[in-house]
């Protein structure tokens, strides 16, 4: 967890990797087997909070008119929120 108390995947990954040499992983880590591009099977350690099974959100489709209006609004005010 980071300073605000929210989950930080990068910090948890570092902690998980530090424990790679130890026999028991922390309860917030999980090991999975993956096949790389060459066909070799490798074991990787990931934070359990990383939800690999969650379906991806479908990409939003915009019409040409909507894109035009979004681009015009961005030109007017280039403040990005998110």
Protein backbone atom coordinates (compact mmCIF):
# COMPACT_ATOMS: atom_id res chain seq x y z
CA UNK A 1 0.00 0.00 0.00
CA UNK A 2 1.18 3.51 -0.68
CA UNK A 3 1.13 6.45 1.74
CA UNK A 4 -2.56 7.23 1.19
CA UNK A 5 -3.53 3.64 2.01
CA UNK A 6 -4.47 2.66 -1.54
CA UNK A 7 -3.09 -0.38 -3.33
CA UNK A 8 0.01 0.21 -5.41
CA UNK A 9 0.66 -2.59 -7.90
CA UNK A 10 4.26 -1.52 -8.55
CA UNK A 11 5.15 -1.45 -4.86
CA UNK A 12 3.52 -4.82 -4.29
CA UNK A 13 5.34 -6.27 -7.29
CA UNK A 14 8.65 -5.08 -5.85
CA UNK A 15 7.80 -6.67 -2.49
CA UNK A 16 6.77 -9.91 -4.22
CA UNK A 17 10.00 -9.99 -6.22
CA UNK A 18 12.06 -9.45 -3.07
CA UNK A 19 10.48 -12.57 -1.62
CA UNK A 20 11.29 -14.66 -4.71
CA UNK A 21 14.29 -16.21 -3.02
CA UNK A 22 12.38 -17.10 0.12
CA UNK A 23 10.44 -20.34 0.35
CA UNK A 24 7.12 -18.77 1.38
CA UNK A 25 5.55 -15.91 -0.54
CA UNK A 26 3.72 -13.14 1.32
CA UNK A 27 -0.07 -13.54 1.32
CA UNK A 28 -0.42 -10.66 -1.17
CA UNK A 29 1.65 -12.44 -3.88
CA UNK A 30 0.81 -15.23 -6.27
CA UNK A 31 2.93 -17.26 -8.66
CA UNK A 32 1.72 -18.12 -12.15
CA UNK A 33 3.27 -20.06 -15.03
CA UNK A 34 3.38 -18.36 -18.43
CA UNK A 35 4.66 -19.46 -21.82
CA UNK A 36 6.90 -16.89 -23.50
CA UNK A 37 7.20 -16.20 -27.25
CA UNK A 38 9.89 -18.89 -27.62
CA UNK A 39 7.68 -21.52 -25.99
CA UNK A 40 9.57 -21.68 -22.70
CA UNK A 41 7.52 -21.85 -19.52
CA UNK A 42 8.45 -19.29 -16.89
CA UNK A 43 7.18 -18.64 -13.40
CA UNK A 44 6.31 -15.06 -12.54
CA UNK A 45 5.23 -13.54 -9.25
CA UNK A 46 2.40 -11.00 -9.27
CA UNK A 47 0.44 -9.14 -6.61
CA UNK A 48 -2.85 -10.89 -5.83
CA UNK A 49 -4.63 -7.54 -6.18
CA UNK A 50 -3.90 -7.59 -9.91
CA UNK A 51 -7.10 -9.07 -11.36
CA UNK A 52 -6.03 -10.87 -14.53
CA UNK A 53 -9.36 -12.68 -14.88
CA UNK A 54 -11.52 -9.54 -15.02
CA UNK A 55 -12.93 -8.97 -18.50
CA UNK A 56 -11.69 -5.85 -20.25
CA UNK A 57 -14.08 -2.96 -20.67
CA UNK A 58 -15.22 -2.49 -24.24
CA UNK A 59 -13.68 0.49 -25.97
CA UNK A 60 -15.93 3.52 -26.37
CA UNK A 61 -16.81 4.30 -29.98
CA UNK A 62 -17.30 7.92 -30.97
CA UNK A 63 -19.01 9.26 -34.06
CA UNK A 64 -17.17 11.73 -36.29
CA UNK A 65 -19.35 14.53 -34.90
CA UNK A 66 -18.53 13.57 -31.30
CA UNK A 67 -14.80 13.45 -32.07
CA UNK A 68 -14.97 16.86 -33.72
CA UNK A 69 -16.75 18.34 -30.70
CA UNK A 70 -14.29 16.73 -28.29
CA UNK A 71 -11.33 18.07 -30.27
CA UNK A 72 -12.85 21.57 -30.38
CA UNK A 73 -13.44 21.50 -26.63
CA UNK A 74 -9.87 20.33 -26.04
CA UNK A 75 -8.54 23.20 -28.16
CA UNK A 76 -10.61 25.61 -26.07
CA UNK A 77 -9.49 24.19 -22.73
CA UNK A 78 -6.55 21.78 -22.71
CA UNK A 79 -7.07 20.76 -19.10
CA UNK A 80 -7.09 16.96 -18.87
CA UNK A 81 -8.89 15.23 -16.01
CA UNK A 82 -8.42 11.61 -15.12
